[in-house]
Amino acid sequence: MTNVLYYINIIQFKKILNGNQSIVNLQPKAPKTSKAKKLQKKVADRKKNPLFVKDAKNFRIGNDVQPKRDLSRYVRWPRYILLHRQKKILLQRIKVPAAIHQFSRTLDKNQSSKVLTLLKKYSPETKTEKKQRLTKLAEQKAQAQKSDQKKVQVLKFGLNHVTTLVETKKAKLVVIAYDVDPIELVVWLPQLCRRQEVPFCFIKNKARLGSLVHQKTATCVALTEVRKEDQAEFDNLARDLRQHYNENHELLRTIGGGQVGIKSRHQQEALKKALELEELKKTSQ
């Protein structure tokens, strides 16, 4: 480096002797200040407010808490969650037959609350209630007394049991869960209810039906008898359900699915815009 500087100085000295350059140009030039240094100087010159002291955050161990970030893309979800999500997307993409798509036409919030409040009145007895009833019955038998117990009107559950009730036309109302997996277990039940003229409906979800009959889940429940005080409410409900499901022929005609993804949607929209522009150019010419 020193050799290079020495060589440059010799060249400049020769130019001075020849009269091409003045001695003033030999003086060292001032270093150029960068924009960043100027900005730093401006910031330093500003008056600092003593009330608001800047305290830089330290995210090391035992110091400031890390800010919340969306880490859903970095989480390794369990396999059952992945399959559940993939199935949901797949059902949106592919064309779903009407017989399966009708299960997604569930009751709205108001109607489902009406149905569940009615069915809750007929939920079967618990284990403790059954034990108390049987002990009371045994005491009456021991004392040779007549039992004043009437036939208990309760919900019937279990797929095979409900099927026999529908076939024999003993069921007055059938409620089917919309999220039964595999769907083949109950896919034929709505058509059987239509043929036997039994009002039915789809409801969210099998856990809610299970809670009515003190089970974890239930695919479907059936109501066989109704008390006199609930008869008017039941008649109105059955009439509405017949209109929505039994007599609604559109349910067996509408095909579900067929929704494209967001990328495909953007491509279709871009293509549509391009075609519209071409037509405008043609008409303007």
C-alpha atoms as a PDB file:
ATOM      1  CA  MET A   1       0.000   0.000   0.000  1.00  0.00           C
ATOM      2  CA  THR A   2       2.814   2.407   0.903  1.00  0.00           C
ATOM      3  CA  ASN A   3       4.539   1.618  -2.417  1.00  0.00           C
ATOM      4  CA  VAL A   4       1.407   2.547  -4.344  1.00  0.00           C
ATOM      5  CA  LEU A   5       1.025   5.873  -2.504  1.00  0.00           C
ATOM      6  CA  TYR A   6       4.695   6.663  -3.087  1.00  0.00           C
ATOM      7  CA  TYR A   7       4.279   5.955  -6.810  1.00  0.00           C
ATOM      8  CA  ILE A   8       1.180   8.220  -7.024  1.00  0.00           C
ATOM      9  CA  ASN A   9       3.024  11.088  -5.279  1.00  0.00           C
ATOM     10  CA  ILE A  10       5.926  10.839  -7.756  1.00  0.00           C
ATOM     11  CA  ILE A  11       3.491  11.077 -10.708  1.00  0.00           C
ATOM     12  CA  GLN A  12       1.827  14.154  -9.197  1.00  0.00           C
ATOM     13  CA  PHE A  13       5.227  15.803  -8.552  1.00  0.00           C
ATOM     14  CA  LYS A  14       6.190  15.248 -12.209  1.00  0.00           C
ATOM     15  CA  LYS A  15       2.942  16.907 -13.316  1.00  0.00           C
ATOM     16  CA  ILE A  16       3.727  19.960 -11.168  1.00  0.00           C
ATOM     17  CA  LEU A  17       7.173  20.257 -12.768  1.00  0.00           C
ATOM     18  CA  ASN A  18       5.580  20.106 -16.201  1.00  0.00           C
ATOM     19  CA  GLY A  19       2.983  22.740 -15.159  1.00  0.00           C
ATOM     20  CA  ASN A  20      -0.100  20.521 -15.559  1.00  0.00           C
ATOM     21  CA  GLN A  21      -1.197  20.601 -11.870  1.00  0.00           C
ATOM     22  CA  SER A  22      -1.002  23.155  -9.066  1.00  0.00           C
ATOM     23  CA  ILE A  23       0.471  22.559  -5.585  1.00  0.00           C
ATOM     24  CA  VAL A  24      -2.972  23.133  -3.990  1.00  0.00           C
ATOM     25  CA  ASN A  25      -4.283  19.883  -5.480  1.00  0.00           C
ATOM     26  CA  LEU A  26      -1.645  17.946  -3.544  1.00  0.00           C
ATOM     27  CA  GLN A  27      -3.420  18.662  -0.263  1.00  0.00           C
ATOM     28  CA  PRO A  28      -5.394  15.632   1.032  1.00  0.00           C
ATOM     29  CA  LYS A  29      -9.127  15.779   0.307  1.00  0.00           C
ATOM     30  CA  ALA A  30     -11.636  15.718   3.191  1.00  0.00           C
ATOM     31  CA  PRO A  31     -13.382  12.360   3.594  1.00  0.00           C
ATOM     32  CA  LYS A  32     -16.925  12.237   2.217  1.00  0.00           C
ATOM     33  CA  THR A  33     -19.532  11.935   5.007  1.00  0.00           C
ATOM     34  CA  SER A  34     -22.185   9.310   4.313  1.00  0.00           C
ATOM     35  CA  LYS A  35     -25.923   9.975   4.647  1.00  0.00           C
ATOM     36  CA  ALA A  36     -26.181   7.544   7.580  1.00  0.00           C
ATOM     37  CA  LYS A  37     -23.576   9.544   9.570  1.00  0.00           C
ATOM     38  CA  LYS A  38     -25.449  12.771   8.867  1.00  0.00           C
ATOM     39  CA  LEU A  39     -28.700  11.240  10.082  1.00  0.00           C
ATOM     40  CA  GLN A  40     -27.000   9.983  13.243  1.00  0.00           C
ATOM     41  CA  LYS A  41     -25.693  13.491  13.879  1.00  0.00           C
ATOM     42  CA  LYS A  42     -29.184  14.969  13.419  1.00  0.00           C
ATOM     43  CA  VAL A  43     -30.689  12.450  15.839  1.00  0.00           C
ATOM     44  CA  ALA A  44     -27.976  13.212  18.401  1.00  0.00           C
ATOM     45  CA  ASP A  45     -28.628  16.945  18.081  1.00  0.00           C
ATOM     46  CA  ARG A  46     -32.307  16.549  18.945  1.00  0.00           C
ATOM     47  CA  LYS A  47     -33.265  17.431  22.475  1.00  0.00           C
ATOM     48  CA  LYS A  48     -34.096  14.318  24.501  1.00  0.00           C
ATOM     49  CA  ASN A  49     -37.238  14.423  26.641  1.00  0.00           C
ATOM     50  CA  PRO A  50     -36.348  13.292  30.182  1.00  0.00           C
ATOM     51  CA  LEU A  51     -39.918  12.043  30.779  1.00  0.00           C
ATOM     52  CA  PHE A  52     -39.763   9.419  28.022  1.00  0.00           C
ATOM     53  CA  VAL A  53     -36.587   7.429  28.367  1.00  0.00           C
ATOM     54  CA  LYS A  54     -36.154   4.814  25.634  1.00  0.00           C
ATOM     55  CA  ASP A  55     -35.724   1.384  27.144  1.00  0.00           C
ATOM     56  CA  ALA A  56     -34.664  -1.180  24.537  1.00  0.00           C
ATOM     57  CA  LYS A  57     -36.233  -4.607  24.987  1.00  0.00           C
ATOM     58  CA  ASN A  58     -34.024  -7.551  25.768  1.00  0.00           C
ATOM     59  CA  PHE A  59     -35.408 -10.919  24.678  1.00  0.00           C
ATOM     60  CA  ARG A  60     -32.727 -13.045  26.315  1.00  0.00           C
ATOM     61  CA  ILE A  61     -33.467 -15.632  29.023  1.00  0.00           C
ATOM     62  CA  GLY A  62     -35.137 -14.148  32.093  1.00  0.00           C
ATOM     63  CA  ASN A  63     -35.856 -10.766  30.476  1.00  0.00           C
ATOM     64  CA  ASP A  64     -38.699  -9.466  28.278  1.00  0.00           C
ATOM     65  CA  VAL A  65     -41.434 -11.817  27.087  1.00  0.00           C
ATOM     66  CA  GLN A  66     -41.351 -12.703  23.396  1.00  0.00           C
ATOM     67  CA  PRO A  67     -44.149 -11.148  21.265  1.00  0.00           C
ATOM     68  CA  LYS A  68     -46.999 -13.419  20.122  1.00  0.00           C
ATOM     69  CA  ARG A  69     -46.458 -14.918  16.675  1.00  0.00           C
ATOM     70  CA  ASP A  70     -48.580 -17.121  14.441  1.00  0.00           C
ATOM     71  CA  LEU A  71     -46.728 -20.437  14.674  1.00  0.00           C
ATOM     72  CA  SER A  72     -49.489 -22.605  13.154  1.00  0.00           C
ATOM     73  CA  ARG A  73     -47.389 -23.227  10.027  1.00  0.00           C
ATOM     74  CA  TYR A  74     -44.496 -24.490  12.154  1.00  0.00           C
ATOM     75  CA  VAL A  75     -46.531 -26.851  14.372  1.00  0.00           C
ATOM     76  CA  ARG A  76     -46.360 -30.554  13.711  1.00  0.00           C
ATOM     77  CA  TRP A  77     -49.984 -31.480  14.230  1.00  0.00           C
ATOM     78  CA  PRO A  78     -51.066 -35.033  15.154  1.00  0.00           C
ATOM     79  CA  ARG A  79     -52.044 -37.311  12.291  1.00  0.00           C
ATOM     80  CA  TYR A  80     -55.758 -37.370  13.163  1.00  0.00           C
ATOM     81  CA  ILE A  81     -55.928 -33.555  12.943  1.00  0.00           C
ATOM     82  CA  LEU A  82     -54.172 -33.589   9.541  1.00  0.00           C
ATOM     83  CA  LEU A  83     -56.598 -36.223   8.222  1.00  0.00           C
ATOM     84  CA  HIS A  84     -59.590 -34.288   9.570  1.00  0.00           C
ATOM     85  CA  ARG A  85     -58.455 -31.080   7.829  1.00  0.00           C
ATOM     86  CA  GLN A  86     -57.588 -32.845   4.578  1.00  0.00           C
ATOM     87  CA  LYS A  87     -61.005 -34.523   4.550  1.00  0.00           C
ATOM     88  CA  LYS A  88     -62.759 -31.181   5.075  1.00  0.00           C
ATOM     89  CA  ILE A  89     -60.862 -29.587   2.141  1.00  0.00           C
ATOM     90  CA  LEU A  90     -61.453 -32.657  -0.025  1.00  0.00           C
ATOM     91  CA  LEU A  91     -65.220 -32.503   0.576  1.00  0.00           C
ATOM     92  CA  GLN A  92     -65.137 -28.840  -0.505  1.00  0.00           C
ATOM     93  CA  ARG A  93     -63.234 -29.620  -3.730  1.00  0.00           C
ATOM     94  CA  ILE A  94     -64.816 -32.830  -5.063  1.00  0.00           C
ATOM     95  CA  LYS A  95     -68.466 -33.121  -6.107  1.00  0.00           C
ATOM     96  CA  VAL A  96     -70.487 -34.670  -3.262  1.00  0.00           C
ATOM     97  CA  PRO A  97     -73.633 -36.665  -4.169  1.00  0.00           C
ATOM     98  CA  ALA A  98     -76.966 -35.271  -3.028  1.00  0.00           C
ATOM     99  CA  ALA A  99     -77.638 -38.253  -0.724  1.00  0.00           C
ATOM    100  CA  ILE A 100     -74.508 -37.344   1.293  1.00  0.00           C
ATOM    101  CA  HIS A 101     -74.709 -33.565   0.830  1.00  0.00           C
ATOM    102  CA  GLN A 102     -78.143 -33.454   2.511  1.00  0.00           C
ATOM    103  CA  PHE A 103     -76.475 -34.235   5.867  1.00  0.00           C
ATOM    104  CA  SER A 104     -74.861 -30.779   5.805  1.00  0.00           C
ATOM    105  CA  ARG A 105     -78.331 -29.139   5.747  1.00  0.00           C
ATOM    106  CA  THR A 106     -78.681 -29.114   9.523  1.00  0.00           C
ATOM    107  CA  LEU A 107     -81.200 -27.232  11.630  1.00  0.00           C
ATOM    108  CA  ASP A 108     -80.420 -23.621  12.483  1.00  0.00           C
ATOM    109  CA  LYS A 109     -79.795 -22.424  16.037  1.00  0.00           C
ATOM    110  CA  ASN A 110     -83.435 -21.622  16.919  1.00  0.00           C
ATOM    111  CA  GLN A 111     -84.893 -24.840  15.506  1.00  0.00           C
ATOM    112  CA  SER A 112     -82.201 -27.054  17.033  1.00  0.00           C
ATOM    113  CA  SER A 113     -82.746 -25.472  20.472  1.00  0.00           C
ATOM    114  CA  LYS A 114     -86.488 -26.207  20.173  1.00  0.00           C
ATOM    115  CA  VAL A 115     -85.844 -29.837  19.219  1.00  0.00           C
ATOM    116  CA  LEU A 116     -83.269 -30.366  21.970  1.00  0.00           C
ATOM    117  CA  THR A 117     -85.445 -28.811  24.693  1.00  0.00           C
ATOM    118  CA  LEU A 118     -88.295 -31.134  23.704  1.00  0.00           C
ATOM    119  CA  LEU A 119     -86.059 -34.215  23.572  1.00  0.00           C
ATOM    120  CA  LYS A 120     -84.445 -33.364  26.910  1.00  0.00           C
ATOM    121  CA  LYS A 121     -87.793 -33.871  28.638  1.00  0.00           C
ATOM    122  CA  TYR A 122     -87.753 -37.486  27.433  1.00  0.00           C
ATOM    123  CA  SER A 123     -84.126 -38.347  28.212  1.00  0.00           C
ATOM    124  CA  PRO A 124     -83.820 -41.778  29.893  1.00  0.00           C
ATOM    125  CA  GLU A 125     -83.129 -42.150  33.599  1.00  0.00           C
ATOM    126  CA  THR A 126     -79.600 -42.263  34.961  1.00  0.00           C
ATOM    127  CA  LYS A 127     -78.088 -45.208  36.845  1.00  0.00           C
ATOM    128  CA  THR A 128     -78.851 -43.679  40.253  1.00  0.00           C
ATOM    129  CA  GLU A 129     -82.476 -42.935  39.281  1.00  0.00           C
ATOM    130  CA  LYS A 130     -82.913 -46.476  37.989  1.00  0.00           C
ATOM    131  CA  LYS A 131     -81.487 -47.906  41.221  1.00  0.00           C
ATOM    132  CA  GLN A 132     -83.884 -45.811  43.322  1.00  0.00           C
ATOM    133  CA  ARG A 133     -86.859 -46.891  41.183  1.00  0.00           C
ATOM    134  CA  LEU A 134     -85.993 -50.583  41.431  1.00  0.00           C
ATOM    135  CA  THR A 135     -85.437 -50.461  45.216  1.00  0.00           C
ATOM    136  CA  LYS A 136     -88.798 -48.718  45.658  1.00  0.00           C
ATOM    137  CA  LEU A 137     -90.466 -51.370  43.472  1.00  0.00           C
ATOM    138  CA  ALA A 138     -88.828 -54.160  45.478  1.00  0.00           C
ATOM    139  CA  GLU A 139     -90.071 -52.637  48.759  1.00  0.00           C
ATOM    140  CA  GLN A 140     -93.619 -52.429  47.406  1.00  0.00           C
ATOM    141  CA  LYS A 141     -93.450 -56.084  46.313  1.00  0.00           C
ATOM    142  CA  ALA A 142     -92.162 -57.144  49.746  1.00  0.00           C
ATOM    143  CA  GLN A 143     -95.051 -55.354  51.445  1.00  0.00           C
ATOM    144  CA  ALA A 144     -97.512 -56.840  48.925  1.00  0.00           C
ATOM    145  CA  GLN A 145     -98.569 -53.411  47.695  1.00  0.00           C
ATOM    146  CA  LYS A 146     -99.689 -52.494  44.196  1.00  0.00           C
ATOM    147  CA  SER A 147     -97.096 -50.548  42.228  1.00  0.00           C
ATOM    148  CA  ASP A 148     -98.377 -47.231  40.895  1.00  0.00           C
ATOM    149  CA  GLN A 149     -95.589 -46.885  38.337  1.00  0.00           C
ATOM    150  CA  LYS A 150     -96.607 -46.135  34.757  1.00  0.00           C
ATOM    151  CA  LYS A 151     -94.732 -46.924  31.584  1.00  0.00           C
ATOM    152  CA  VAL A 152     -91.801 -44.531  31.230  1.00  0.00           C
ATOM    153  CA  GLN A 153     -91.816 -42.477  28.015  1.00  0.00           C
ATOM    154  CA  VAL A 154     -88.184 -42.013  27.019  1.00  0.00           C
ATOM    155  CA  LEU A 155     -85.972 -41.495  23.968  1.00  0.00           C
ATOM    156  CA  LYS A 156     -84.864 -44.538  22.019  1.00  0.00           C
ATOM    157  CA  PHE A 157     -81.310 -44.688  20.732  1.00  0.00           C
ATOM    158  CA  GLY A 158     -79.074 -47.112  18.898  1.00  0.00           C
ATOM    159  CA  LEU A 159     -79.069 -47.450  15.120  1.00  0.00           C
ATOM    160  CA  ASN A 160     -80.615 -50.931  14.928  1.00  0.00           C
ATOM    161  CA  HIS A 161     -83.289 -50.078  17.486  1.00  0.00           C
ATOM    162  CA  VAL A 162     -84.256 -46.843  15.723  1.00  0.00           C
ATOM    163  CA  THR A 163     -84.371 -48.670  12.355  1.00  0.00           C
ATOM    164  CA  THR A 164     -86.879 -51.226  13.653  1.00  0.00           C
ATOM    165  CA  LEU A 165     -88.980 -48.436  15.176  1.00  0.00           C
ATOM    166  CA  VAL A 166     -89.073 -46.597  11.822  1.00  0.00           C
ATOM    167  CA  GLU A 167     -89.875 -49.783   9.884  1.00  0.00           C
ATOM    168  CA  THR A 168     -92.771 -50.600  12.214  1.00  0.00           C
ATOM    169  CA  LYS A 169     -93.912 -46.924  12.158  1.00  0.00           C
ATOM    170  CA  LYS A 170     -93.644 -46.652  15.936  1.00  0.00           C
ATOM    171  CA  ALA A 171     -91.208 -43.727  15.745  1.00  0.00           C
ATOM    172  CA  LYS A 172     -92.844 -40.284  15.718  1.00  0.00           C
ATOM    173  CA  LEU A 173     -89.648 -38.248  15.269  1.00  0.00           C
ATOM    174  CA  VAL A 174     -86.104 -39.228  14.250  1.00  0.00           C
ATOM    175  CA  VAL A 175     -83.091 -36.961  14.826  1.00  0.00           C
ATOM    176  CA  ILE A 176     -79.884 -37.906  12.942  1.00  0.00           C
ATOM    177  CA  ALA A 177     -76.374 -36.565  13.662  1.00  0.00           C
ATOM    178  CA  TYR A 178     -74.675 -34.911  10.680  1.00  0.00           C
ATOM    179  CA  ASP A 179     -71.099 -35.976  11.555  1.00  0.00           C
ATOM    180  CA  VAL A 180     -71.382 -39.785  11.649  1.00  0.00           C
ATOM    181  CA  ASP A 181     -68.195 -41.414  10.375  1.00  0.00           C
ATOM    182  CA  PRO A 182     -68.307 -43.489   8.195  1.00  0.00           C
ATOM    183  CA  ILE A 183     -71.393 -41.889   6.663  1.00  0.00           C
ATOM    184  CA  GLU A 184     -72.477 -45.241   5.151  1.00  0.00           C
ATOM    185  CA  LEU A 185     -73.846 -46.229   8.578  1.00  0.00           C
ATOM    186  CA  VAL A 186     -76.755 -43.759   8.365  1.00  0.00           C
ATOM    187  CA  VAL A 187     -76.846 -42.646   4.706  1.00  0.00           C
ATOM    188  CA  TRP A 188     -79.912 -44.816   4.014  1.00  0.00           C
ATOM    189  CA  LEU A 189     -81.899 -43.739   7.102  1.00  0.00           C
ATOM    190  CA  PRO A 190     -83.356 -40.458   5.699  1.00  0.00           C
ATOM    191  CA  GLN A 191     -84.805 -42.284   2.687  1.00  0.00           C
ATOM    192  CA  LEU A 192     -86.341 -44.912   4.987  1.00  0.00           C
ATOM    193  CA  CYS A 193     -87.967 -42.134   7.043  1.00  0.00           C
ATOM    194  CA  ARG A 194     -89.370 -40.582   3.848  1.00  0.00           C
ATOM    195  CA  ARG A 195     -90.830 -43.898   2.727  1.00  0.00           C
ATOM    196  CA  GLN A 196     -92.397 -44.604   6.136  1.00  0.00           C
ATOM    197  CA  GLU A 197     -93.563 -40.947   6.450  1.00  0.00           C
ATOM    198  CA  VAL A 198     -91.719 -40.376   9.719  1.00  0.00           C
ATOM    199  CA  PRO A 199     -90.529 -36.767  10.283  1.00  0.00           C
ATOM    200  CA  PHE A 200     -86.752 -36.533  10.588  1.00  0.00           C
ATOM    201  CA  CYS A 201     -84.006 -33.890  10.758  1.00  0.00           C
ATOM    202  CA  PHE A 202     -80.224 -33.481  10.835  1.00  0.00           C
ATOM    203  CA  ILE A 203     -78.572 -31.845  13.826  1.00  0.00           C
ATOM    204  CA  LYS A 204     -75.116 -30.820  14.998  1.00  0.00           C
ATOM    205  CA  ASN A 205     -73.605 -33.047  16.397  1.00  0.00           C
ATOM    206  CA  LYS A 206     -73.454 -36.662  17.643  1.00  0.00           C
ATOM    207  CA  ALA A 207     -72.034 -35.590  21.035  1.00  0.00           C
ATOM    208  CA  ARG A 208     -75.145 -33.460  21.712  1.00  0.00           C
ATOM    209  CA  LEU A 209     -77.389 -36.416  20.924  1.00  0.00           C
ATOM    210  CA  GLY A 210     -75.202 -38.599  23.146  1.00  0.00           C
ATOM    211  CA  SER A 211     -75.623 -36.229  26.098  1.00  0.00           C
ATOM    212  CA  LEU A 212     -79.433 -36.621  25.823  1.00  0.00           C
ATOM    213  CA  VAL A 213     -79.199 -40.388  26.375  1.00  0.00           C
ATOM    214  CA  HIS A 214     -76.228 -40.307  28.827  1.00  0.00           C
ATOM    215  CA  GLN A 215     -73.779 -41.650  26.247  1.00  0.00           C
ATOM    216  CA  LYS A 216     -70.584 -40.276  24.755  1.00  0.00           C
ATOM    217  CA  THR A 217     -72.061 -40.086  21.247  1.00  0.00           C
ATOM    218  CA  ALA A 218     -75.236 -41.219  19.490  1.00  0.00           C
ATOM    219  CA  THR A 219     -75.778 -41.541  15.734  1.00  0.00           C
ATOM    220  CA  CYS A 220     -79.542 -41.046  15.982  1.00  0.00           C
ATOM    221  CA  VAL A 221     -82.395 -40.892  18.503  1.00  0.00           C
ATOM    222  CA  ALA A 222     -86.111 -41.517  18.092  1.00  0.00           C
ATOM    223  CA  LEU A 223     -89.178 -40.305  19.971  1.00  0.00           C
ATOM    224  CA  THR A 224     -92.000 -42.855  20.190  1.00  0.00           C
ATOM    225  CA  GLU A 225     -94.512 -41.269  22.577  1.00  0.00           C
ATOM    226  CA  VAL A 226     -95.396 -37.704  23.544  1.00  0.00           C
ATOM    227  CA  ARG A 227     -97.153 -36.483  26.685  1.00  0.00           C
ATOM    228  CA  LYS A 228    -100.392 -34.499  26.436  1.00  0.00           C
ATOM    229  CA  GLU A 229     -98.820 -31.251  27.635  1.00  0.00           C
ATOM    230  CA  ASP A 230     -96.183 -31.432  24.834  1.00  0.00           C
ATOM    231  CA  GLN A 231     -98.509 -32.550  22.037  1.00  0.00           C
ATOM    232  CA  ALA A 232     -99.193 -29.068  20.584  1.00  0.00           C
ATOM    233  CA  GLU A 233     -95.489 -28.175  20.549  1.00  0.00           C
ATOM    234  CA  PHE A 234     -94.622 -31.515  18.956  1.00  0.00           C
ATOM    235  CA  ASP A 235     -97.263 -31.123  16.212  1.00  0.00           C
ATOM    236  CA  ASN A 236     -95.899 -27.698  15.179  1.00  0.00           C
ATOM    237  CA  LEU A 237     -92.352 -29.035  15.177  1.00  0.00           C
ATOM    238  CA  ALA A 238     -93.258 -32.155  13.154  1.00  0.00           C
ATOM    239  CA  ARG A 239     -95.087 -30.011  10.568  1.00  0.00           C
ATOM    240  CA  ASP A 240     -92.031 -27.765  10.090  1.00  0.00           C
ATOM    241  CA  LEU A 241     -89.644 -30.714   9.820  1.00  0.00           C
ATOM    242  CA  ARG A 242     -91.830 -32.427   7.209  1.00  0.00           C
ATOM    243  CA  GLN A 243     -91.685 -29.284   5.052  1.00  0.00           C
ATOM    244  CA  HIS A 244     -87.921 -28.863   5.450  1.00  0.00           C
ATOM    245  CA  TYR A 245     -86.872 -32.504   5.002  1.00  0.00           C
ATOM    246  CA  ASN A 246     -89.549 -35.088   4.115  1.00  0.00           C
ATOM    247  CA  GLU A 247     -91.323 -33.048   1.414  1.00  0.00           C
ATOM    248  CA  ASN A 248     -88.283 -31.050   0.266  1.00  0.00           C
ATOM    249  CA  HIS A 249     -87.278 -32.694  -3.031  1.00  0.00           C
ATOM    250  CA  GLU A 250     -84.444 -30.200  -3.618  1.00  0.00           C
ATOM    251  CA  LEU A 251     -82.381 -31.987  -0.959  1.00  0.00           C
ATOM    252  CA  LEU A 252     -82.089 -35.026  -3.244  1.00  0.00           C
ATOM    253  CA  ARG A 253     -81.199 -32.896  -6.291  1.00  0.00           C
ATOM    254  CA  THR A 254     -78.554 -30.444  -5.076  1.00  0.00           C
ATOM    255  CA  ILE A 255     -74.984 -31.673  -5.392  1.00  0.00           C
ATOM    256  CA  GLY A 256     -72.402 -30.379  -2.904  1.00  0.00           C
ATOM    257  CA  GLY A 257     -68.707 -29.532  -3.184  1.00  0.00           C
ATOM    258  CA  GLY A 258     -67.091 -28.241  -6.349  1.00  0.00           C
ATOM    259  CA  GLN A 259     -65.491 -25.237  -4.648  1.00  0.00           C
ATOM    260  CA  VAL A 260     -62.091 -24.335  -6.094  1.00  0.00           C
ATOM    261  CA  GLY A 261     -59.162 -23.096  -4.009  1.00  0.00           C
ATOM    262  CA  ILE A 262     -58.146 -19.456  -3.654  1.00  0.00           C
ATOM    263  CA  LYS A 263     -55.259 -19.769  -6.176  1.00  0.00           C
ATOM    264  CA  SER A 264     -57.522 -21.289  -8.830  1.00  0.00           C
ATOM    265  CA  ARG A 265     -60.128 -18.608  -8.103  1.00  0.00           C
ATOM    266  CA  HIS A 266     -57.565 -15.851  -8.707  1.00  0.00           C
ATOM    267  CA  GLN A 267     -56.475 -17.503 -11.974  1.00  0.00           C
ATOM    268  CA  GLN A 268     -60.083 -17.738 -13.169  1.00  0.00           C
ATOM    269  CA  GLU A 269     -60.721 -14.088 -12.290  1.00  0.00           C
ATOM    270  CA  ALA A 270     -57.543 -12.974 -14.092  1.00  0.00           C
ATOM    271  CA  LEU A 271     -58.529 -14.978 -17.193  1.00  0.00           C
ATOM    272  CA  LYS A 272     -62.018 -13.488 -17.101  1.00  0.00           C
ATOM    273  CA  LYS A 273     -60.602  -9.943 -16.930  1.00  0.00           C
ATOM    274  CA  ALA A 274     -58.224 -10.658 -19.829  1.00  0.00           C
ATOM    275  CA  LEU A 275     -61.103 -11.915 -21.993  1.00  0.00           C
ATOM    276  CA  GLU A 276     -63.183  -8.841 -21.148  1.00  0.00           C
ATOM    277  CA  LEU A 277     -60.303  -6.541 -22.151  1.00  0.00           C
ATOM    278  CA  GLU A 278     -59.926  -8.358 -25.491  1.00  0.00           C
ATOM    279  CA  GLU A 279     -63.644  -7.936 -26.205  1.00  0.00           C
ATOM    280  CA  LEU A 280     -63.427  -4.221 -25.381  1.00  0.00           C
ATOM    281  CA  LYS A 281     -60.479  -3.812 -27.786  1.00  0.00           C
ATOM    282  CA  LYS A 282     -62.422  -5.574 -30.542  1.00  0.00           C
ATOM    283  CA  THR A 283     -65.503  -3.419 -30.066  1.00  0.00           C
ATOM    284  CA  SER A 284     -63.455  -0.188 -29.906  1.00  0.00           C
ATOM    285  CA  GLN A 285     -61.830  -1.004 -33.293  1.00  0.00           C
END
